[in-house]
Amino acid sequence: MKHYTPHGHFFHGENASILVVDSETGKTRKLGFAGGKARHSPDGFSWGYAGSGPAELARAIIADVSNDPDPHPALYQAFKNEFLGASTLDQNSTSWSISEDVILQWLKDRREKYFKGGK
């Protein structure tokens, strides 16, 4: 199972990094932009507010979990609001983690809403 968690000392803009940790294999890698390029925040990932950095992070996480390099904006914006926004995380928080299982269940619960025919 994979976990998505912040890494480093400064967590906003270009210095923000998210590690993808596979608890079964012990492998760790740095999460990159969805589809290899930024759409919302060329400065990088962030969290704890409703801006472009959290949107970029939500897009990258959803793309990574779903293997879809270009997830639907309504889907990753909803994920941002529920998991990465100000009501959930403080901008300075560095002790959070989101598991792949939680994200997959969240996606399954929303499939009908965001994808015609449950794609």
Protein backbone atom coordinates (compact mmCIF):
# COMPACT_ATOMS: atom_id res chain seq x y z
CA MET A 1 0.00 0.00 0.00
CA LYS A 2 1.25 3.48 -0.87
CA HIS A 3 1.19 6.54 1.38
CA TYR A 4 1.55 10.17 0.32
CA THR A 5 3.38 12.34 2.85
CA PRO A 6 5.34 15.63 2.90
CA HIS A 7 9.13 15.63 3.12
CA GLY A 8 11.76 18.24 3.95
CA HIS A 9 11.75 21.48 5.89
CA PHE A 10 9.97 23.98 3.66
CA PHE A 11 6.65 22.89 2.23
CA HIS A 12 5.41 25.59 -0.12
CA GLY A 13 6.37 26.38 -3.67
CA GLU A 14 9.39 24.88 -5.39
CA ASN A 15 10.75 23.33 -2.20
CA ALA A 16 7.58 21.38 -1.41
CA SER A 17 7.97 17.68 -1.99
CA ILE A 18 5.67 14.77 -1.44
CA LEU A 19 7.03 11.28 -0.98
CA VAL A 20 5.19 8.21 -2.17
CA VAL A 21 6.12 5.45 0.25
CA ASP A 22 5.25 1.85 -0.57
CA SER A 23 4.85 0.13 2.79
CA GLU A 24 4.99 -3.34 1.21
CA THR A 25 8.26 -2.95 -0.69
CA GLY A 26 9.85 -0.15 1.34
CA LYS A 27 10.48 1.83 -1.85
CA THR A 28 10.15 5.60 -1.76
CA ARG A 29 9.91 8.05 -4.64
CA LYS A 30 9.16 11.72 -5.07
CA LEU A 31 5.72 12.55 -6.49
CA GLY A 32 5.91 14.49 -9.75
CA PHE A 33 3.44 16.65 -11.62
CA ALA A 34 0.51 14.85 -13.25
CA GLY A 35 1.30 14.21 -16.89
CA GLY A 36 4.81 15.53 -16.28
CA LYS A 37 3.85 19.21 -16.19
CA ALA A 38 2.18 21.74 -13.95
CA ARG A 39 -1.29 22.98 -14.79
CA HIS A 40 -2.14 25.18 -11.79
CA SER A 41 1.04 26.00 -9.91
CA PRO A 42 4.38 26.04 -11.71
CA ASP A 43 5.93 26.74 -8.29
CA GLY A 44 4.89 23.31 -7.06
CA PHE A 45 2.80 21.64 -4.40
CA SER A 46 1.29 23.06 -1.24
CA TRP A 47 -1.64 22.49 1.12
CA GLY A 48 -3.71 24.13 3.82
CA TYR A 49 -5.57 26.65 1.65
CA ALA A 50 -7.83 26.64 -1.43
CA GLY A 51 -5.26 27.77 -3.98
CA SER A 52 -3.23 26.58 -6.94
CA GLY A 53 -0.56 24.69 -4.94
CA PRO A 54 -3.11 22.38 -3.28
CA ALA A 55 -4.90 21.95 -6.63
CA GLU A 56 -1.61 20.87 -8.24
CA LEU A 57 -0.97 18.42 -5.41
CA ALA A 58 -4.49 16.98 -5.59
CA ARG A 59 -4.16 16.56 -9.36
CA ALA A 60 -0.81 14.75 -8.96
CA ILE A 61 -2.09 12.41 -6.22
CA ILE A 62 -5.27 11.50 -8.11
CA ALA A 63 -3.26 10.97 -11.32
CA ASP A 64 -0.78 8.73 -9.49
CA VAL A 65 -3.41 6.60 -7.76
CA SER A 66 -5.73 6.30 -10.76
CA ASN A 67 -3.01 5.98 -13.44
CA ASP A 68 -4.78 8.78 -15.31
CA PRO A 69 -2.29 11.50 -16.35
CA ASP A 70 -5.09 14.05 -16.77
CA PRO A 71 -7.81 13.53 -14.14
CA HIS A 72 -11.07 15.45 -14.35
CA PRO A 73 -10.74 18.91 -12.72
CA ALA A 74 -13.97 18.55 -10.72
CA LEU A 75 -12.62 15.32 -9.25
CA TYR A 76 -9.24 16.61 -8.08
CA GLN A 77 -10.71 19.94 -6.94
CA ALA A 78 -13.16 17.99 -4.74
CA PHE A 79 -10.23 15.92 -3.42
CA LYS A 80 -8.31 19.13 -2.71
CA ASN A 81 -11.23 20.57 -0.76
CA GLU A 82 -11.79 17.41 1.27
CA PHE A 83 -8.19 16.36 1.99
CA LEU A 84 -5.76 19.23 1.37
CA GLY A 85 -7.64 22.46 2.09
CA ALA A 86 -7.64 24.80 5.04
CA SER A 87 -10.45 22.94 6.82
CA THR A 88 -8.32 19.77 6.85
CA LEU A 89 -4.65 20.81 6.99
CA ASP A 90 -2.69 23.73 8.34
CA GLN A 91 -0.26 25.26 5.82
CA ASN A 92 2.62 24.52 8.16
CA SER A 93 1.61 20.96 8.95
CA THR A 94 4.24 18.38 8.06
CA SER A 95 2.86 15.37 9.88
CA TRP A 96 0.08 14.28 7.56
CA SER A 97 -0.21 11.21 5.37
CA ILE A 98 -2.92 9.93 3.03
CA SER A 99 -3.04 6.23 2.19
CA GLU A 100 -3.74 4.84 -1.25
CA ASP A 101 -6.59 2.76 0.22
CA VAL A 102 -8.36 5.88 1.50
CA ILE A 103 -7.95 7.58 -1.86
CA LEU A 104 -9.16 4.54 -3.81
CA GLN A 105 -12.27 4.30 -1.63
CA TRP A 106 -12.87 8.03 -2.05
CA LEU A 107 -12.56 7.64 -5.84
CA LYS A 108 -14.89 4.63 -5.86
CA ASP A 109 -17.50 6.56 -3.88
CA ARG A 110 -17.39 9.41 -6.41
CA ARG A 111 -17.08 7.46 -9.66
CA GLU A 112 -20.73 7.79 -10.61
CA LYS A 113 -20.79 11.50 -9.83
CA TYR A 114 -17.78 12.42 -11.98
CA PHE A 115 -17.81 9.76 -14.67
CA LYS A 116 -20.83 8.90 -16.79
CA GLY A 117 -21.46 5.16 -16.55
CA GLY A 118 -18.94 4.65 -13.73
CA LYS A 119 -15.84 4.74 -15.98
